């Protein structure tokens, strides 16, 4: 019987009849009957995930979109300011846009990423840990949260951002939604209930839940104008031109500017956070032992 990785409920059913085969193994999707978290079935092993990031993940995209990503992280620092201590760890932050944005604002910050960071084990005692779009990649969220806890000080705070599995994009486009990416890139698709349950089970108290739109996934570009932006997004990887870094950088700059305009349109359509929005954010505090 399949157990939900978020709430541990044993009530689940197939999320549509999707099936994929990778490296001789078949994968589908299940949806929890309790918290509605969607998850890959079976959950991929650590070895499979290592292979995904070694063979199938193009890190050049993140380098080429550094300007747009850094702008987003600068905005996030302002959004999260009231929850930030002086020492802030960017957990799972890849090439380090967030820690750079934090240092520019006077915080002490480093990036730690299990797949990118090379060197000794990360030091502990951080006031705040921010994990932007990290937990959906995990095949064992309890283990990932335990690792985060080990790096926090005794009353530290955690800020998580993940794709919003209850959002309008998921509901209308299912596996074609820009942030779904099943079955082996995004392994878990959290709802508010699922993510809060996971954190509370692991010793956190929920302080705030937010919903947001972002430049790289929003309801204007990726739902109302989805075909246009799928075509625009494909330009970056078009062969043989994508072998040229200048070509890729120009594509990244052009499409990012259009996406930022789309982001503003999406935000302006409602005056408050909407549960239809693309991103789920949970801010939690570690319960002192």
C-alpha atoms as a PDB file:
ATOM      1  CA  UNK A   1       0.000   0.000   0.000  1.00  0.00           C
ATOM      2  CA  UNK A   2       1.347   3.438  -0.948  1.00  0.00           C
ATOM      3  CA  UNK A   3       1.885   5.945   1.848  1.00  0.00           C
ATOM      4  CA  UNK A   4       1.690   9.688   1.171  1.00  0.00           C
ATOM      5  CA  UNK A   5       5.162  11.199   1.721  1.00  0.00           C
ATOM      6  CA  UNK A   6       3.584  14.386   3.072  1.00  0.00           C
ATOM      7  CA  UNK A   7       0.852  13.370   5.530  1.00  0.00           C
ATOM      8  CA  UNK A   8       1.525   9.592   5.794  1.00  0.00           C
ATOM      9  CA  UNK A   9      -2.048   8.721   4.826  1.00  0.00           C
ATOM     10  CA  UNK A  10      -2.428   5.302   3.200  1.00  0.00           C
ATOM     11  CA  UNK A  11      -5.384   6.439   1.095  1.00  0.00           C
ATOM     12  CA  UNK A  12      -4.286   7.237  -2.458  1.00  0.00           C
ATOM     13  CA  UNK A  13      -5.375   6.697  -6.043  1.00  0.00           C
ATOM     14  CA  UNK A  14      -3.944   7.177  -9.503  1.00  0.00           C
ATOM     15  CA  UNK A  15      -3.577  10.783 -10.638  1.00  0.00           C
ATOM     16  CA  UNK A  16      -4.976  10.240 -14.124  1.00  0.00           C
ATOM     17  CA  UNK A  17      -3.456   7.315 -16.048  1.00  0.00           C
ATOM     18  CA  UNK A  18      -0.008   8.680 -16.745  1.00  0.00           C
ATOM     19  CA  UNK A  19       2.954   6.342 -17.098  1.00  0.00           C
ATOM     20  CA  UNK A  20       6.589   6.880 -18.020  1.00  0.00           C
ATOM     21  CA  UNK A  21       9.515   4.511 -18.469  1.00  0.00           C
ATOM     22  CA  UNK A  22      13.066   5.543 -17.567  1.00  0.00           C
ATOM     23  CA  UNK A  23      16.083   3.252 -17.494  1.00  0.00           C
ATOM     24  CA  UNK A  24      13.914   0.136 -17.482  1.00  0.00           C
ATOM     25  CA  UNK A  25      11.563   1.219 -14.669  1.00  0.00           C
ATOM     26  CA  UNK A  26       7.949   2.375 -14.936  1.00  0.00           C
ATOM     27  CA  UNK A  27       6.645   5.405 -13.046  1.00  0.00           C
ATOM     28  CA  UNK A  28       3.179   6.842 -12.541  1.00  0.00           C
ATOM     29  CA  UNK A  29       1.548   9.423 -10.282  1.00  0.00           C
ATOM     30  CA  UNK A  30      -0.641   9.008  -7.214  1.00  0.00           C
ATOM     31  CA  UNK A  31      -2.731  11.602  -5.377  1.00  0.00           C
ATOM     32  CA  UNK A  32      -3.284  11.397  -1.632  1.00  0.00           C
ATOM     33  CA  UNK A  33      -6.927  11.059  -0.615  1.00  0.00           C
ATOM     34  CA  UNK A  34      -6.314  13.061   2.536  1.00  0.00           C
ATOM     35  CA  UNK A  35      -4.055  16.048   1.782  1.00  0.00           C
ATOM     36  CA  UNK A  36      -4.187  15.874  -2.065  1.00  0.00           C
ATOM     37  CA  UNK A  37      -0.411  15.845  -2.430  1.00  0.00           C
ATOM     38  CA  UNK A  38       0.604  14.299  -5.769  1.00  0.00           C
ATOM     39  CA  UNK A  39       3.681  12.052  -5.840  1.00  0.00           C
ATOM     40  CA  UNK A  40       5.657   9.807  -8.160  1.00  0.00           C
ATOM     41  CA  UNK A  41       4.960   6.090  -7.806  1.00  0.00           C
ATOM     42  CA  UNK A  42       7.260   4.415  -7.051  1.00  0.00           C
ATOM     43  CA  UNK A  43       9.444   7.111  -5.541  1.00  0.00           C
ATOM     44  CA  UNK A  44      12.788   7.067  -7.380  1.00  0.00           C
ATOM     45  CA  UNK A  45      15.879   5.812  -5.593  1.00  0.00           C
ATOM     46  CA  UNK A  46      18.824   8.022  -4.696  1.00  0.00           C
ATOM     47  CA  UNK A  47      20.809   6.447  -7.519  1.00  0.00           C
ATOM     48  CA  UNK A  48      18.100   7.271 -10.046  1.00  0.00           C
ATOM     49  CA  UNK A  49      17.975  10.901  -8.873  1.00  0.00           C
ATOM     50  CA  UNK A  50      21.751  11.207  -9.082  1.00  0.00           C
ATOM     51  CA  UNK A  51      21.532   9.952 -12.651  1.00  0.00           C
ATOM     52  CA  UNK A  52      18.786  12.472 -13.470  1.00  0.00           C
ATOM     53  CA  UNK A  53      20.931  15.400 -12.337  1.00  0.00           C
ATOM     54  CA  UNK A  54      24.100  14.029 -13.881  1.00  0.00           C
ATOM     55  CA  UNK A  55      22.656  13.166 -17.296  1.00  0.00           C
ATOM     56  CA  UNK A  56      19.375  15.014 -17.839  1.00  0.00           C
ATOM     57  CA  UNK A  57      19.616  18.352 -16.062  1.00  0.00           C
ATOM     58  CA  UNK A  58      21.025  21.277 -18.049  1.00  0.00           C
ATOM     59  CA  UNK A  59      22.537  23.655 -15.508  1.00  0.00           C
ATOM     60  CA  UNK A  60      23.415  26.089 -18.299  1.00  0.00           C
ATOM     61  CA  UNK A  61      19.788  27.299 -18.217  1.00  0.00           C
ATOM     62  CA  UNK A  62      20.279  28.588 -14.682  1.00  0.00           C
ATOM     63  CA  UNK A  63      23.526  30.323 -15.559  1.00  0.00           C
ATOM     64  CA  UNK A  64      22.021  31.919 -18.656  1.00  0.00           C
ATOM     65  CA  UNK A  65      18.979  33.138 -16.693  1.00  0.00           C
ATOM     66  CA  UNK A  66      21.068  34.424 -13.795  1.00  0.00           C
ATOM     67  CA  UNK A  67      19.886  38.041 -14.165  1.00  0.00           C
ATOM     68  CA  UNK A  68      16.196  37.134 -13.960  1.00  0.00           C
ATOM     69  CA  UNK A  69      16.764  34.675 -11.132  1.00  0.00           C
ATOM     70  CA  UNK A  70      18.814  37.197  -9.170  1.00  0.00           C
ATOM     71  CA  UNK A  71      16.096  39.850  -9.625  1.00  0.00           C
ATOM     72  CA  UNK A  72      13.536  37.381  -8.287  1.00  0.00           C
ATOM     73  CA  UNK A  73      15.723  36.582  -5.284  1.00  0.00           C
ATOM     74  CA  UNK A  74      16.222  40.281  -4.535  1.00  0.00           C
ATOM     75  CA  UNK A  75      12.429  40.646  -4.421  1.00  0.00           C
ATOM     76  CA  UNK A  76      12.190  37.620  -2.150  1.00  0.00           C
ATOM     77  CA  UNK A  77      14.645  39.105   0.342  1.00  0.00           C
ATOM     78  CA  UNK A  78      12.274  42.048   0.743  1.00  0.00           C
ATOM     79  CA  UNK A  79       9.237  39.734   0.935  1.00  0.00           C
ATOM     80  CA  UNK A  80      10.831  37.651   3.693  1.00  0.00           C
ATOM     81  CA  UNK A  81      12.647  40.435   5.550  1.00  0.00           C
ATOM     82  CA  UNK A  82      10.541  40.258   8.733  1.00  0.00           C
ATOM     83  CA  UNK A  83      11.402  36.555   9.113  1.00  0.00           C
ATOM     84  CA  UNK A  84      15.130  36.748   8.470  1.00  0.00           C
ATOM     85  CA  UNK A  85      17.814  36.485  11.110  1.00  0.00           C
ATOM     86  CA  UNK A  86      21.304  37.775  10.432  1.00  0.00           C
ATOM     87  CA  UNK A  87      22.644  34.387   9.298  1.00  0.00           C
ATOM     88  CA  UNK A  88      20.612  32.929   6.413  1.00  0.00           C
ATOM     89  CA  UNK A  89      21.395  29.660   4.608  1.00  0.00           C
ATOM     90  CA  UNK A  90      20.263  29.197   1.009  1.00  0.00           C
ATOM     91  CA  UNK A  91      19.516  25.463   1.032  1.00  0.00           C
ATOM     92  CA  UNK A  92      19.449  23.747  -2.350  1.00  0.00           C
ATOM     93  CA  UNK A  93      20.176  27.026  -4.106  1.00  0.00           C
ATOM     94  CA  UNK A  94      22.182  25.693  -7.033  1.00  0.00           C
ATOM     95  CA  UNK A  95      24.375  28.414  -8.499  1.00  0.00           C
ATOM     96  CA  UNK A  96      23.702  30.802  -5.596  1.00  0.00           C
ATOM     97  CA  UNK A  97      21.438  33.668  -6.688  1.00  0.00           C
ATOM     98  CA  UNK A  98      19.702  33.898  -3.310  1.00  0.00           C
ATOM     99  CA  UNK A  99      22.806  33.970  -1.143  1.00  0.00           C
ATOM    100  CA  UNK A 100      24.277  36.675  -3.384  1.00  0.00           C
ATOM    101  CA  UNK A 101      21.089  38.749  -3.064  1.00  0.00           C
ATOM    102  CA  UNK A 102      21.142  38.284   0.725  1.00  0.00           C
ATOM    103  CA  UNK A 103      24.786  39.338   1.043  1.00  0.00           C
ATOM    104  CA  UNK A 104      24.055  42.425  -1.049  1.00  0.00           C
ATOM    105  CA  UNK A 105      21.494  43.397   1.626  1.00  0.00           C
ATOM    106  CA  UNK A 106      23.940  42.904   4.489  1.00  0.00           C
ATOM    107  CA  UNK A 107      23.099  39.364   5.617  1.00  0.00           C
ATOM    108  CA  UNK A 108      25.619  36.625   6.256  1.00  0.00           C
ATOM    109  CA  UNK A 109      24.692  33.936   3.760  1.00  0.00           C
ATOM    110  CA  UNK A 110      25.988  30.856   1.963  1.00  0.00           C
ATOM    111  CA  UNK A 111      24.498  28.414  -0.522  1.00  0.00           C
ATOM    112  CA  UNK A 112      24.424  24.704   0.198  1.00  0.00           C
ATOM    113  CA  UNK A 113      23.160  22.343  -2.493  1.00  0.00           C
ATOM    114  CA  UNK A 114      23.421  18.546  -2.184  1.00  0.00           C
ATOM    115  CA  UNK A 115      24.072  18.248  -5.927  1.00  0.00           C
ATOM    116  CA  UNK A 116      26.293  21.285  -6.465  1.00  0.00           C
ATOM    117  CA  UNK A 117      28.194  22.133  -3.269  1.00  0.00           C
ATOM    118  CA  UNK A 118      31.689  20.656  -3.094  1.00  0.00           C
ATOM    119  CA  UNK A 119      33.671  20.515   0.141  1.00  0.00           C
ATOM    120  CA  UNK A 120      33.177  19.871   3.819  1.00  0.00           C
ATOM    121  CA  UNK A 121      29.844  19.435   5.558  1.00  0.00           C
ATOM    122  CA  UNK A 122      27.901  22.706   5.922  1.00  0.00           C
ATOM    123  CA  UNK A 123      28.207  24.405   9.311  1.00  0.00           C
ATOM    124  CA  UNK A 124      25.111  24.561  11.525  1.00  0.00           C
ATOM    125  CA  UNK A 125      23.563  27.274  13.707  1.00  0.00           C
ATOM    126  CA  UNK A 126      21.763  29.269  11.007  1.00  0.00           C
ATOM    127  CA  UNK A 127      19.044  31.707  12.098  1.00  0.00           C
ATOM    128  CA  UNK A 128      16.951  31.147   8.971  1.00  0.00           C
ATOM    129  CA  UNK A 129      17.043  28.610   6.168  1.00  0.00           C
ATOM    130  CA  UNK A 130      15.367  29.359   2.849  1.00  0.00           C
ATOM    131  CA  UNK A 131      14.708  26.489   0.439  1.00  0.00           C
ATOM    132  CA  UNK A 132      13.318  27.744  -2.859  1.00  0.00           C
ATOM    133  CA  UNK A 133      11.845  24.996  -5.022  1.00  0.00           C
ATOM    134  CA  UNK A 134      13.897  22.266  -3.398  1.00  0.00           C
ATOM    135  CA  UNK A 135      11.516  19.962  -1.562  1.00  0.00           C
ATOM    136  CA  UNK A 136       9.592  18.915  -4.677  1.00  0.00           C
ATOM    137  CA  UNK A 137      12.814  17.248  -5.898  1.00  0.00           C
ATOM    138  CA  UNK A 138      13.175  15.063  -2.787  1.00  0.00           C
ATOM    139  CA  UNK A 139      12.344  11.345  -2.699  1.00  0.00           C
ATOM    140  CA  UNK A 140      12.323  11.466   1.125  1.00  0.00           C
ATOM    141  CA  UNK A 141      10.965  14.784   2.440  1.00  0.00           C
ATOM    142  CA  UNK A 142      11.266  13.705   6.098  1.00  0.00           C
ATOM    143  CA  UNK A 143      14.988  13.092   5.546  1.00  0.00           C
ATOM    144  CA  UNK A 144      15.383  16.450   3.782  1.00  0.00           C
ATOM    145  CA  UNK A 145      13.589  18.322   6.580  1.00  0.00           C
ATOM    146  CA  UNK A 146      15.728  16.486   9.166  1.00  0.00           C
ATOM    147  CA  UNK A 147      18.840  17.673   7.335  1.00  0.00           C
ATOM    148  CA  UNK A 148      17.519  21.237   7.345  1.00  0.00           C
ATOM    149  CA  UNK A 149      16.736  20.992  11.092  1.00  0.00           C
ATOM    150  CA  UNK A 150      20.301  19.894  11.808  1.00  0.00           C
ATOM    151  CA  UNK A 151      21.573  23.126  10.254  1.00  0.00           C
ATOM    152  CA  UNK A 152      19.245  25.516  12.155  1.00  0.00           C
ATOM    153  CA  UNK A 153      19.811  27.037  15.565  1.00  0.00           C
ATOM    154  CA  UNK A 154      17.448  25.940  18.351  1.00  0.00           C
ATOM    155  CA  UNK A 155      14.694  28.435  17.505  1.00  0.00           C
ATOM    156  CA  UNK A 156      15.482  28.885  13.830  1.00  0.00           C
ATOM    157  CA  UNK A 157      13.020  29.660  11.051  1.00  0.00           C
ATOM    158  CA  UNK A 158      12.418  27.873   7.758  1.00  0.00           C
ATOM    159  CA  UNK A 159      10.980  29.404   4.593  1.00  0.00           C
ATOM    160  CA  UNK A 160       9.882  26.931   1.924  1.00  0.00           C
ATOM    161  CA  UNK A 161       8.625  27.706  -1.570  1.00  0.00           C
ATOM    162  CA  UNK A 162       7.250  24.926  -3.797  1.00  0.00           C
ATOM    163  CA  UNK A 163       4.886  24.646  -6.772  1.00  0.00           C
ATOM    164  CA  UNK A 164       1.290  24.916  -5.587  1.00  0.00           C
ATOM    165  CA  UNK A 165      -0.365  21.596  -6.445  1.00  0.00           C
ATOM    166  CA  UNK A 166      -3.795  23.046  -5.638  1.00  0.00           C
ATOM    167  CA  UNK A 167      -3.282  25.966  -8.000  1.00  0.00           C
ATOM    168  CA  UNK A 168      -5.112  26.731 -11.209  1.00  0.00           C
ATOM    169  CA  UNK A 169      -2.217  25.639 -13.410  1.00  0.00           C
ATOM    170  CA  UNK A 170      -2.237  22.113 -11.999  1.00  0.00           C
ATOM    171  CA  UNK A 171      -6.023  21.895 -12.131  1.00  0.00           C
ATOM    172  CA  UNK A 172      -6.316  22.929 -15.775  1.00  0.00           C
ATOM    173  CA  UNK A 173      -3.110  21.627 -17.382  1.00  0.00           C
ATOM    174  CA  UNK A 174      -2.179  18.651 -15.173  1.00  0.00           C
ATOM    175  CA  UNK A 175       1.189  17.233 -16.302  1.00  0.00           C
ATOM    176  CA  UNK A 176       1.526  19.970 -18.955  1.00  0.00           C
ATOM    177  CA  UNK A 177       1.754  22.705 -16.300  1.00  0.00           C
ATOM    178  CA  UNK A 178       5.155  24.386 -16.459  1.00  0.00           C
ATOM    179  CA  UNK A 179       6.103  23.552 -12.862  1.00  0.00           C
ATOM    180  CA  UNK A 180       4.852  19.971 -12.732  1.00  0.00           C
ATOM    181  CA  UNK A 181       7.759  18.238 -14.547  1.00  0.00           C
ATOM    182  CA  UNK A 182       6.969  14.605 -13.666  1.00  0.00           C
ATOM    183  CA  UNK A 183       8.020  11.999 -12.866  1.00  0.00           C
ATOM    184  CA  UNK A 184      11.704  12.367 -11.929  1.00  0.00           C
ATOM    185  CA  UNK A 185      12.462  16.100 -11.783  1.00  0.00           C
ATOM    186  CA  UNK A 186       9.560  17.137  -9.555  1.00  0.00           C
ATOM    187  CA  UNK A 187       8.817  14.037  -7.512  1.00  0.00           C
ATOM    188  CA  UNK A 188       6.420  15.642  -4.988  1.00  0.00           C
ATOM    189  CA  UNK A 189       3.650  18.169  -5.610  1.00  0.00           C
ATOM    190  CA  UNK A 190       2.542  19.717  -2.329  1.00  0.00           C
ATOM    191  CA  UNK A 191      -0.698  21.271  -1.201  1.00  0.00           C
ATOM    192  CA  UNK A 192      -0.969  23.622   1.768  1.00  0.00           C
ATOM    193  CA  UNK A 193      -2.330  20.821   3.953  1.00  0.00           C
ATOM    194  CA  UNK A 194       0.339  18.347   2.905  1.00  0.00           C
ATOM    195  CA  UNK A 195       3.296  20.681   3.383  1.00  0.00           C
ATOM    196  CA  UNK A 196       2.074  22.003   6.730  1.00  0.00           C
ATOM    197  CA  UNK A 197       1.461  18.455   7.984  1.00  0.00           C
ATOM    198  CA  UNK A 198       4.972  17.421   6.950  1.00  0.00           C
ATOM    199  CA  UNK A 199       6.551  20.353   8.791  1.00  0.00           C
ATOM    200  CA  UNK A 200       4.473  19.928  11.940  1.00  0.00           C
ATOM    201  CA  UNK A 201       5.344  16.221  12.095  1.00  0.00           C
ATOM    202  CA  UNK A 202       9.012  17.195  11.998  1.00  0.00           C
ATOM    203  CA  UNK A 203       8.945  19.667  14.869  1.00  0.00           C
ATOM    204  CA  UNK A 204       7.953  22.971  13.275  1.00  0.00           C
ATOM    205  CA  UNK A 205       5.099  25.328  14.040  1.00  0.00           C
ATOM    206  CA  UNK A 206       3.521  27.058  11.052  1.00  0.00           C
ATOM    207  CA  UNK A 207       3.733  30.844  11.256  1.00  0.00           C
ATOM    208  CA  UNK A 208       2.451  31.931   7.851  1.00  0.00           C
ATOM    209  CA  UNK A 209       1.225  30.516   4.527  1.00  0.00           C
ATOM    210  CA  UNK A 210       1.360  32.559   1.323  1.00  0.00           C
ATOM    211  CA  UNK A 211       0.582  32.075  -2.357  1.00  0.00           C
ATOM    212  CA  UNK A 212       2.486  33.930  -5.073  1.00  0.00           C
ATOM    213  CA  UNK A 213       3.145  34.305  -8.778  1.00  0.00           C
ATOM    214  CA  UNK A 214       6.721  34.304 -10.128  1.00  0.00           C
ATOM    215  CA  UNK A 215       8.367  35.359 -13.359  1.00  0.00           C
ATOM    216  CA  UNK A 216       9.109  31.755 -14.382  1.00  0.00           C
ATOM    217  CA  UNK A 217       5.627  30.374 -13.616  1.00  0.00           C
ATOM    218  CA  UNK A 218       2.495  32.491 -13.598  1.00  0.00           C
ATOM    219  CA  UNK A 219      -1.095  32.276 -14.756  1.00  0.00           C
ATOM    220  CA  UNK A 220      -0.717  34.871 -17.509  1.00  0.00           C
ATOM    221  CA  UNK A 221       2.259  33.369 -19.341  1.00  0.00           C
ATOM    222  CA  UNK A 222       1.732  29.703 -18.543  1.00  0.00           C
ATOM    223  CA  UNK A 223      -2.037  29.324 -18.654  1.00  0.00           C
ATOM    224  CA  UNK A 224      -3.676  32.124 -20.618  1.00  0.00           C
ATOM    225  CA  UNK A 225      -0.803  32.344 -23.157  1.00  0.00           C
ATOM    226  CA  UNK A 226       0.703  28.921 -22.645  1.00  0.00           C
ATOM    227  CA  UNK A 227       1.314  27.992 -26.294  1.00  0.00           C
ATOM    228  CA  UNK A 228       3.058  31.303 -27.003  1.00  0.00           C
ATOM    229  CA  UNK A 229       5.402  30.936 -24.057  1.00  0.00           C
ATOM    230  CA  UNK A 230       6.105  27.265 -24.717  1.00  0.00           C
ATOM    231  CA  UNK A 231       7.327  28.303 -28.157  1.00  0.00           C
ATOM    232  CA  UNK A 232       9.366  31.178 -26.737  1.00  0.00           C
ATOM    233  CA  UNK A 233      10.854  28.929 -24.065  1.00  0.00           C
ATOM    234  CA  UNK A 234      11.938  26.378 -26.655  1.00  0.00           C
ATOM    235  CA  UNK A 235      14.148  28.942 -28.407  1.00  0.00           C
ATOM    236  CA  UNK A 236      16.838  28.686 -25.692  1.00  0.00           C
ATOM    237  CA  UNK A 237      17.512  25.009 -26.443  1.00  0.00           C
ATOM    238  CA  UNK A 238      17.093  25.098 -30.218  1.00  0.00           C
ATOM    239  CA  UNK A 239      19.843  23.257 -32.048  1.00  0.00           C
ATOM    240  CA  UNK A 240      22.385  23.976 -33.397  1.00  0.00           C
ATOM    241  CA  UNK A 241      22.210  27.588 -32.145  1.00  0.00           C
ATOM    242  CA  UNK A 242      22.112  26.671 -28.452  1.00  0.00           C
ATOM    243  CA  UNK A 243      25.733  25.580 -28.677  1.00  0.00           C
ATOM    244  CA  UNK A 244      26.543  29.296 -28.758  1.00  0.00           C
ATOM    245  CA  UNK A 245      26.424  30.916 -25.328  1.00  0.00           C
ATOM    246  CA  UNK A 246      25.678  34.361 -26.812  1.00  0.00           C
ATOM    247  CA  UNK A 247      22.584  32.948 -28.553  1.00  0.00           C
ATOM    248  CA  UNK A 248      21.384  31.326 -25.324  1.00  0.00           C
ATOM    249  CA  UNK A 249      21.982  34.479 -23.298  1.00  0.00           C
ATOM    250  CA  UNK A 250      20.063  36.625 -25.800  1.00  0.00           C
ATOM    251  CA  UNK A 251      17.130  34.183 -25.719  1.00  0.00           C
ATOM    252  CA  UNK A 252      17.185  34.147 -21.921  1.00  0.00           C
ATOM    253  CA  UNK A 253      17.186  37.945 -21.719  1.00  0.00           C
ATOM    254  CA  UNK A 254      14.397  38.391 -24.262  1.00  0.00           C
ATOM    255  CA  UNK A 255      12.039  35.767 -22.861  1.00  0.00           C
ATOM    256  CA  UNK A 256      12.725  36.804 -19.258  1.00  0.00           C
ATOM    257  CA  UNK A 257      11.694  40.373 -20.040  1.00  0.00           C
ATOM    258  CA  UNK A 258       8.427  39.152 -21.579  1.00  0.00           C
ATOM    259  CA  UNK A 259       7.802  36.870 -18.622  1.00  0.00           C
ATOM    260  CA  UNK A 260       8.295  39.702 -16.146  1.00  0.00           C
ATOM    261  CA  UNK A 261       5.632  41.699 -17.985  1.00  0.00           C
ATOM    262  CA  UNK A 262       3.355  38.668 -17.823  1.00  0.00           C
ATOM    263  CA  UNK A 263       4.047  38.364 -14.102  1.00  0.00           C
ATOM    264  CA  UNK A 264       2.806  41.900 -13.522  1.00  0.00           C
ATOM    265  CA  UNK A 265      -0.362  41.173 -15.502  1.00  0.00           C
ATOM    266  CA  UNK A 266      -0.997  38.059 -13.411  1.00  0.00           C
ATOM    267  CA  UNK A 267      -0.459  39.904 -10.128  1.00  0.00           C
ATOM    268  CA  UNK A 268      -2.609  42.884 -11.151  1.00  0.00           C
ATOM    269  CA  UNK A 269      -5.609  40.660 -11.762  1.00  0.00           C
ATOM    270  CA  UNK A 270      -6.105  40.168  -8.011  1.00  0.00           C
ATOM    271  CA  UNK A 271      -5.282  42.397  -5.051  1.00  0.00           C
ATOM    272  CA  UNK A 272      -4.459  39.632  -2.567  1.00  0.00           C
ATOM    273  CA  UNK A 273      -2.747  36.261  -2.555  1.00  0.00           C
ATOM    274  CA  UNK A 274      -4.919  33.709  -4.297  1.00  0.00           C
ATOM    275  CA  UNK A 275      -4.846  29.954  -3.784  1.00  0.00           C
ATOM    276  CA  UNK A 276      -5.021  29.760  -7.587  1.00  0.00           C
ATOM    277  CA  UNK A 277      -1.499  31.196  -7.732  1.00  0.00           C
ATOM    278  CA  UNK A 278       1.457  29.152  -8.926  1.00  0.00           C
ATOM    279  CA  UNK A 279       3.646  29.091  -5.821  1.00  0.00           C
ATOM    280  CA  UNK A 280       2.985  27.897  -2.269  1.00  0.00           C
ATOM    281  CA  UNK A 281       5.131  29.390   0.502  1.00  0.00           C
ATOM    282  CA  UNK A 282       5.207  28.218   4.122  1.00  0.00           C
ATOM    283  CA  UNK A 283       7.092  30.001   6.872  1.00  0.00           C
ATOM    284  CA  UNK A 284       7.685  27.869   9.970  1.00  0.00           C
ATOM    285  CA  UNK A 285       9.618  28.058  13.218  1.00  0.00           C
ATOM    286  CA  UNK A 286      11.476  25.228  14.890  1.00  0.00           C
ATOM    287  CA  UNK A 287       9.919  24.243  18.189  1.00  0.00           C
ATOM    288  CA  UNK A 288      12.580  24.515  20.896  1.00  0.00           C
ATOM    289  CA  UNK A 289      13.306  21.138  22.483  1.00  0.00           C
END
